[in-house]
Amino acid sequence: MVIKVLLAEDMHMVRGALVALLNMESDIEVVAQVAAGDQILSTAKSVQPDVAILDIDLPGKDGLTAAVEIRESLPGCHTLILTSLGRPGTVRRALDAKVNGFLLKDAPSDKLANAVRSVAIGRRVIDSELALAAWETDDCPLTTREVEILRVTARGRTVADIAAELFLSPGTVRNHLAAIVTKLNARNRVHAIRIATDAEWL
C-alpha cells in the first residue's frame, strides 16, 4: 500500500526538498503540497491523504489549527507536525491538539519516512525527551485561535492586518486580544506577547 501524503510548508526550497525526499520511498507518495495554512483543509478534502505533514508557522492559518480541523473533518487522515520549533510549550500545544506525531526538521531523513509510516497506521510519534519537557511546562490558558492571533501580533501586524490574514473581522480580533490580555493578567498586548514568549507558548 502506498501512503498518500499532503505536505504543508511555506518555504519553497524546503518543501521541494521534502517532496523529493519522500517520493524516493517506494511506499510513500506526496499527492499534494500547499504553502499556506488556509489551503490545508480544502486540499485534504480533495485528495484524501493518509497523512498530512504540517509546519506550524504558516501564513493564513497555523498548522496546529489546521490539524484540529483535519481531525474533526477527516478522521481517516493522520497528522504529523514537522517544525523547527522544538520548544516545550510548542510541543505541549501540539499534544493538546491531538496530533499523531511531532518531528523536528533537523531529524535524520530516514526518521521522517519512518514517522510517516508509523503515523499512517495510527501510532503516536514524538521524541520522548520533547514529550517529557512538554508535560513539565505550565498549561497555556489561551485557545489555539488566541495563540495564533498573538503570534501574528508579535510580528508587528495591525488589527486590520491580522483580520485580513486570518479571515476574521477587526472586531473579532480586538475581542480575542482583549481576552488574551485578561487571561494572561498582562498590562497590554506587548506585555502579553512577552509573557507568552517567556512561557514558550508561541
C-alpha atoms as a PDB file:
ATOM      1  CA  MET A   1       0.000   0.000   0.000  1.00  0.00           C
ATOM      2  CA  VAL A   2       1.266   3.449  -0.928  1.00  0.00           C
ATOM      3  CA  ILE A   3       0.835   6.089   1.791  1.00  0.00           C
ATOM      4  CA  LYS A   4      -0.657   9.274   0.345  1.00  0.00           C
ATOM      5  CA  VAL A   5       0.848  12.422   1.885  1.00  0.00           C
ATOM      6  CA  LEU A   6      -0.197  16.058   1.907  1.00  0.00           C
ATOM      7  CA  LEU A   7       2.661  18.443   2.701  1.00  0.00           C
ATOM      8  CA  ALA A   8       2.165  21.977   4.070  1.00  0.00           C
ATOM      9  CA  GLU A   9       5.367  24.051   4.090  1.00  0.00           C
ATOM     10  CA  ASP A  10       5.676  27.717   3.131  1.00  0.00           C
ATOM     11  CA  MET A  11       9.396  27.745   2.273  1.00  0.00           C
ATOM     12  CA  HIS A  12       9.644  26.724  -1.385  1.00  0.00           C
ATOM     13  CA  MET A  13      13.125  25.150  -1.258  1.00  0.00           C
ATOM     14  CA  VAL A  14      12.363  23.208   1.925  1.00  0.00           C
ATOM     15  CA  ARG A  15       9.065  21.981   0.501  1.00  0.00           C
ATOM     16  CA  GLY A  16      10.741  20.866  -2.717  1.00  0.00           C
ATOM     17  CA  ALA A  17      13.437  19.001  -0.826  1.00  0.00           C
ATOM     18  CA  LEU A  18      10.896  17.242   1.391  1.00  0.00           C
ATOM     19  CA  VAL A  19       8.770  16.218  -1.580  1.00  0.00           C
ATOM     20  CA  ALA A  20      11.814  14.786  -3.367  1.00  0.00           C
ATOM     21  CA  LEU A  21      12.936  13.001  -0.207  1.00  0.00           C
ATOM     22  CA  LEU A  22       9.567  11.402   0.495  1.00  0.00           C
ATOM     23  CA  ASN A  23       8.919  10.418  -3.118  1.00  0.00           C
ATOM     24  CA  MET A  24      12.145   8.411  -3.078  1.00  0.00           C
ATOM     25  CA  GLU A  25      10.378   5.963  -0.759  1.00  0.00           C
ATOM     26  CA  SER A  26       8.583   3.195  -2.655  1.00  0.00           C
ATOM     27  CA  ASP A  27       5.636   3.176  -0.243  1.00  0.00           C
ATOM     28  CA  ILE A  28       5.140   6.963   0.134  1.00  0.00           C
ATOM     29  CA  GLU A  29       3.761   9.443  -2.392  1.00  0.00           C
ATOM     30  CA  VAL A  30       3.251  13.184  -1.913  1.00  0.00           C
ATOM     31  CA  VAL A  31      -0.113  13.723  -3.614  1.00  0.00           C
ATOM     32  CA  ALA A  32      -0.489  17.417  -2.722  1.00  0.00           C
ATOM     33  CA  GLN A  33       1.602  20.314  -1.427  1.00  0.00           C
ATOM     34  CA  VAL A  34       0.476  23.694  -0.142  1.00  0.00           C
ATOM     35  CA  ALA A  35       2.247  26.820   1.078  1.00  0.00           C
ATOM     36  CA  ALA A  36      -0.461  28.338   3.284  1.00  0.00           C
ATOM     37  CA  GLY A  37      -2.401  27.066   6.267  1.00  0.00           C
ATOM     38  CA  ASP A  38      -5.775  28.128   4.929  1.00  0.00           C
ATOM     39  CA  GLN A  39      -5.285  25.804   1.928  1.00  0.00           C
ATOM     40  CA  ILE A  40      -4.768  22.676   4.025  1.00  0.00           C
ATOM     41  CA  LEU A  41      -8.303  21.521   4.844  1.00  0.00           C
ATOM     42  CA  SER A  42      -9.794  22.096   1.396  1.00  0.00           C
ATOM     43  CA  THR A  43      -6.852  20.339  -0.249  1.00  0.00           C
ATOM     44  CA  ALA A  44      -7.060  17.452   2.208  1.00  0.00           C
ATOM     45  CA  LYS A  45     -10.769  17.034   1.464  1.00  0.00           C
ATOM     46  CA  SER A  46      -9.947  16.945  -2.231  1.00  0.00           C
ATOM     47  CA  VAL A  47      -7.065  14.451  -2.243  1.00  0.00           C
ATOM     48  CA  GLN A  48      -7.971  12.426   0.889  1.00  0.00           C
ATOM     49  CA  PRO A  49      -4.383  11.841   2.132  1.00  0.00           C
ATOM     50  CA  ASP A  50      -3.440   9.202   4.672  1.00  0.00           C
ATOM     51  CA  VAL A  51      -1.013  11.579   6.390  1.00  0.00           C
ATOM     52  CA  ALA A  52      -0.806  15.375   6.471  1.00  0.00           C
ATOM     53  CA  ILE A  53       2.682  16.705   7.242  1.00  0.00           C
ATOM     54  CA  LEU A  54       2.252  20.227   8.590  1.00  0.00           C
ATOM     55  CA  ASP A  55       4.608  23.016   9.529  1.00  0.00           C
ATOM     56  CA  ILE A  56       3.318  25.101  12.447  1.00  0.00           C
ATOM     57  CA  ASP A  57       4.184  28.629  11.365  1.00  0.00           C
ATOM     58  CA  LEU A  58       2.258  29.057   8.109  1.00  0.00           C
ATOM     59  CA  PRO A  59       0.634  32.108   6.517  1.00  0.00           C
ATOM     60  CA  GLY A  60      -3.146  32.298   6.708  1.00  0.00           C
ATOM     61  CA  LYS A  61      -3.607  29.692   9.436  1.00  0.00           C
ATOM     62  CA  ASP A  62      -1.147  27.881  11.674  1.00  0.00           C
ATOM     63  CA  GLY A  63      -0.529  24.165  11.282  1.00  0.00           C
ATOM     64  CA  LEU A  64      -1.946  23.212  14.675  1.00  0.00           C
ATOM     65  CA  THR A  65      -5.281  24.871  13.905  1.00  0.00           C
ATOM     66  CA  ALA A  66      -5.333  23.011  10.591  1.00  0.00           C
ATOM     67  CA  ALA A  67      -4.512  19.752  12.383  1.00  0.00           C
ATOM     68  CA  VAL A  68      -7.557  20.167  14.625  1.00  0.00           C
ATOM     69  CA  GLU A  69      -9.733  20.862  11.587  1.00  0.00           C
ATOM     70  CA  ILE A  70      -8.427  17.756   9.832  1.00  0.00           C
ATOM     71  CA  ARG A  71      -9.096  15.595  12.882  1.00  0.00           C
ATOM     72  CA  GLU A  72     -12.682  16.855  13.038  1.00  0.00           C
ATOM     73  CA  SER A  73     -13.435  16.705   9.309  1.00  0.00           C
ATOM     74  CA  LEU A  74     -11.234  13.849   8.066  1.00  0.00           C
ATOM     75  CA  PRO A  75     -10.728  11.308  10.871  1.00  0.00           C
ATOM     76  CA  GLY A  76      -9.034   8.931   8.439  1.00  0.00           C
ATOM     77  CA  CYS A  77      -6.180  11.387   7.869  1.00  0.00           C
ATOM     78  CA  HIS A  78      -3.417  11.399  10.468  1.00  0.00           C
ATOM     79  CA  THR A  79      -1.327  14.486  11.206  1.00  0.00           C
ATOM     80  CA  LEU A  80       2.431  14.829  11.617  1.00  0.00           C
ATOM     81  CA  ILE A  81       3.883  18.170  12.697  1.00  0.00           C
ATOM     82  CA  LEU A  82       7.286  18.846  11.110  1.00  0.00           C
ATOM     83  CA  THR A  83       8.781  22.010  12.510  1.00  0.00           C
ATOM     84  CA  SER A  84      11.909  23.795  13.678  1.00  0.00           C
ATOM     85  CA  LEU A  85      10.007  24.933  16.792  1.00  0.00           C
ATOM     86  CA  GLY A  86      11.007  22.344  19.374  1.00  0.00           C
ATOM     87  CA  ARG A  87      10.252  24.402  22.476  1.00  0.00           C
ATOM     88  CA  PRO A  88       8.330  22.572  25.228  1.00  0.00           C
ATOM     89  CA  GLY A  89       5.405  24.974  25.010  1.00  0.00           C
ATOM     90  CA  THR A  90       5.058  24.307  21.278  1.00  0.00           C
ATOM     91  CA  VAL A  91       5.180  20.544  21.806  1.00  0.00           C
ATOM     92  CA  ARG A  92       2.555  20.854  24.532  1.00  0.00           C
ATOM     93  CA  ARG A  93       0.246  22.753  22.183  1.00  0.00           C
ATOM     94  CA  ALA A  94       0.734  20.048  19.564  1.00  0.00           C
ATOM     95  CA  LEU A  95      -0.134  17.333  22.076  1.00  0.00           C
ATOM     96  CA  ASP A  96      -3.191  19.293  23.183  1.00  0.00           C
ATOM     97  CA  ALA A  97      -4.236  19.482  19.518  1.00  0.00           C
ATOM     98  CA  LYS A  98      -4.014  15.657  19.470  1.00  0.00           C
ATOM     99  CA  VAL A  99      -1.637  15.448  16.530  1.00  0.00           C
ATOM    100  CA  ASN A 100      -0.368  11.970  15.732  1.00  0.00           C
ATOM    101  CA  GLY A 101       3.284  12.918  15.508  1.00  0.00           C
ATOM    102  CA  PHE A 102       5.773  15.696  16.186  1.00  0.00           C
ATOM    103  CA  LEU A 103       9.158  15.761  14.480  1.00  0.00           C
ATOM    104  CA  LEU A 104      11.881  18.388  14.230  1.00  0.00           C
ATOM    105  CA  LYS A 105      13.155  19.426  10.807  1.00  0.00           C
ATOM    106  CA  ASP A 106      16.741  18.623  11.746  1.00  0.00           C
ATOM    107  CA  ALA A 107      15.898  14.957  12.321  1.00  0.00           C
ATOM    108  CA  PRO A 108      17.646  12.389  10.067  1.00  0.00           C
ATOM    109  CA  SER A 109      15.879  11.882   6.733  1.00  0.00           C
ATOM    110  CA  ASP A 110      15.086   8.205   7.368  1.00  0.00           C
ATOM    111  CA  LYS A 111      13.365   9.198  10.608  1.00  0.00           C
ATOM    112  CA  LEU A 112      10.823  11.257   8.653  1.00  0.00           C
ATOM    113  CA  ALA A 113       9.870   8.365   6.375  1.00  0.00           C
ATOM    114  CA  ASN A 114       9.555   6.012   9.341  1.00  0.00           C
ATOM    115  CA  ALA A 115       7.457   8.585  11.208  1.00  0.00           C
ATOM    116  CA  VAL A 116       5.098   8.826   8.219  1.00  0.00           C
ATOM    117  CA  ARG A 117       4.728   5.038   8.186  1.00  0.00           C
ATOM    118  CA  SER A 118       4.045   4.880  11.920  1.00  0.00           C
ATOM    119  CA  VAL A 119       1.573   7.766  11.899  1.00  0.00           C
ATOM    120  CA  ALA A 120      -0.238   6.252   8.892  1.00  0.00           C
ATOM    121  CA  ILE A 121      -1.159   3.159  10.943  1.00  0.00           C
ATOM    122  CA  GLY A 122      -2.285   5.187  13.924  1.00  0.00           C
ATOM    123  CA  ARG A 123       0.815   5.193  16.104  1.00  0.00           C
ATOM    124  CA  ARG A 124       1.920   8.294  18.017  1.00  0.00           C
ATOM    125  CA  VAL A 125       5.421   9.513  17.142  1.00  0.00           C
ATOM    126  CA  ILE A 126       7.209  12.014  19.364  1.00  0.00           C
ATOM    127  CA  ASP A 127      10.669  12.246  20.848  1.00  0.00           C
ATOM    128  CA  SER A 128      10.483  11.083  24.478  1.00  0.00           C
ATOM    129  CA  GLU A 129      12.596  13.957  25.804  1.00  0.00           C
ATOM    130  CA  LEU A 130      10.465  16.519  23.982  1.00  0.00           C
ATOM    131  CA  ALA A 131       7.310  14.928  25.365  1.00  0.00           C
ATOM    132  CA  LEU A 132       8.649  14.922  28.929  1.00  0.00           C
ATOM    133  CA  ALA A 133       9.705  18.562  28.698  1.00  0.00           C
ATOM    134  CA  ALA A 134       6.262  19.441  27.325  1.00  0.00           C
ATOM    135  CA  TRP A 135       4.402  17.832  30.202  1.00  0.00           C
ATOM    136  CA  GLU A 136       6.571  19.690  32.701  1.00  0.00           C
ATOM    137  CA  THR A 137       5.536  23.099  31.335  1.00  0.00           C
ATOM    138  CA  ASP A 138       2.617  25.112  32.649  1.00  0.00           C
ATOM    139  CA  ASP A 139      -0.709  24.803  30.854  1.00  0.00           C
ATOM    140  CA  CYS A 140      -1.362  27.563  28.346  1.00  0.00           C
ATOM    141  CA  PRO A 141      -4.636  29.332  29.210  1.00  0.00           C
ATOM    142  CA  LEU A 142      -5.083  30.543  25.635  1.00  0.00           C
ATOM    143  CA  THR A 143      -7.086  28.819  22.932  1.00  0.00           C
ATOM    144  CA  THR A 144      -5.421  27.742  19.688  1.00  0.00           C
ATOM    145  CA  ARG A 145      -7.005  30.718  17.913  1.00  0.00           C
ATOM    146  CA  GLU A 146      -5.782  33.125  20.601  1.00  0.00           C
ATOM    147  CA  VAL A 147      -2.239  31.782  20.335  1.00  0.00           C
ATOM    148  CA  GLU A 148      -2.440  32.164  16.555  1.00  0.00           C
ATOM    149  CA  ILE A 149      -3.599  35.790  16.866  1.00  0.00           C
ATOM    150  CA  LEU A 150      -0.946  36.616  19.460  1.00  0.00           C
ATOM    151  CA  ARG A 151       1.764  35.059  17.281  1.00  0.00           C
ATOM    152  CA  VAL A 152       0.738  37.221  14.329  1.00  0.00           C
ATOM    153  CA  THR A 153       0.528  40.257  16.631  1.00  0.00           C
ATOM    154  CA  ALA A 154       4.090  39.562  17.750  1.00  0.00           C
ATOM    155  CA  ARG A 155       5.211  40.092  14.146  1.00  0.00           C
ATOM    156  CA  GLY A 156       4.116  43.718  14.439  1.00  0.00           C
ATOM    157  CA  ARG A 157       0.882  43.353  12.463  1.00  0.00           C
ATOM    158  CA  THR A 158      -2.008  45.768  12.988  1.00  0.00           C
ATOM    159  CA  VAL A 159      -5.509  44.629  13.900  1.00  0.00           C
ATOM    160  CA  ALA A 160      -6.561  45.173  10.280  1.00  0.00           C
ATOM    161  CA  ASP A 161      -3.592  43.106   9.031  1.00  0.00           C
ATOM    162  CA  ILE A 162      -4.376  40.280  11.467  1.00  0.00           C
ATOM    163  CA  ALA A 163      -8.029  40.287  10.481  1.00  0.00           C
ATOM    164  CA  ALA A 164      -7.145  40.078   6.789  1.00  0.00           C
ATOM    165  CA  GLU A 165      -4.552  37.323   7.271  1.00  0.00           C
ATOM    166  CA  LEU A 166      -6.771  35.141   9.449  1.00  0.00           C
ATOM    167  CA  PHE A 167     -10.049  35.924   7.673  1.00  0.00           C
ATOM    168  CA  LEU A 168     -11.646  37.473  10.748  1.00  0.00           C
ATOM    169  CA  SER A 169     -13.378  40.777  11.359  1.00  0.00           C
ATOM    170  CA  PRO A 170     -11.348  43.517  13.099  1.00  0.00           C
ATOM    171  CA  GLY A 171     -13.861  43.445  15.946  1.00  0.00           C
ATOM    172  CA  THR A 172     -13.301  39.725  16.490  1.00  0.00           C
ATOM    173  CA  VAL A 173      -9.543  40.252  16.559  1.00  0.00           C
ATOM    174  CA  ARG A 174      -9.899  43.039  19.136  1.00  0.00           C
ATOM    175  CA  ASN A 175     -12.125  40.810  21.282  1.00  0.00           C
ATOM    176  CA  HIS A 176      -9.559  38.000  21.153  1.00  0.00           C
ATOM    177  CA  LEU A 177      -6.715  40.380  22.031  1.00  0.00           C
ATOM    178  CA  ALA A 178      -8.683  41.735  24.986  1.00  0.00           C
ATOM    179  CA  ALA A 179      -9.341  38.177  26.176  1.00  0.00           C
ATOM    180  CA  ILE A 180      -5.645  37.326  25.809  1.00  0.00           C
ATOM    181  CA  VAL A 181      -4.554  40.306  27.906  1.00  0.00           C
ATOM    182  CA  THR A 182      -7.110  39.374  30.573  1.00  0.00           C
ATOM    183  CA  LYS A 183      -6.217  35.663  30.658  1.00  0.00           C
ATOM    184  CA  LEU A 184      -2.500  36.378  30.964  1.00  0.00           C
ATOM    185  CA  ASN A 185      -3.068  39.156  33.517  1.00  0.00           C
ATOM    186  CA  ALA A 186      -0.984  41.368  31.246  1.00  0.00           C
ATOM    187  CA  ARG A 187      -0.797  45.156  31.187  1.00  0.00           C
ATOM    188  CA  ASN A 188      -1.194  45.326  27.411  1.00  0.00           C
ATOM    189  CA  ARG A 189      -0.591  43.372  24.200  1.00  0.00           C
ATOM    190  CA  VAL A 190       3.177  43.827  24.304  1.00  0.00           C
ATOM    191  CA  HIS A 191       3.269  42.504  27.856  1.00  0.00           C
ATOM    192  CA  ALA A 192       1.058  39.576  26.811  1.00  0.00           C
ATOM    193  CA  ILE A 193       3.484  38.714  23.998  1.00  0.00           C
ATOM    194  CA  ARG A 194       6.390  38.784  26.450  1.00  0.00           C
ATOM    195  CA  ILE A 195       4.549  36.543  28.937  1.00  0.00           C
ATOM    196  CA  ALA A 196       3.593  34.032  26.236  1.00  0.00           C
ATOM    197  CA  THR A 197       7.072  34.046  24.718  1.00  0.00           C
ATOM    198  CA  ASP A 198       8.772  33.502  28.080  1.00  0.00           C
ATOM    199  CA  ALA A 199       6.394  30.603  28.774  1.00  0.00           C
ATOM    200  CA  GLU A 200       7.175  29.163  25.308  1.00  0.00           C
ATOM    201  CA  TRP A 201       3.516  29.197  24.269  1.00  0.00           C
ATOM    202  CA  LEU A 202       4.194  30.918  20.950  1.00  0.00           C
END
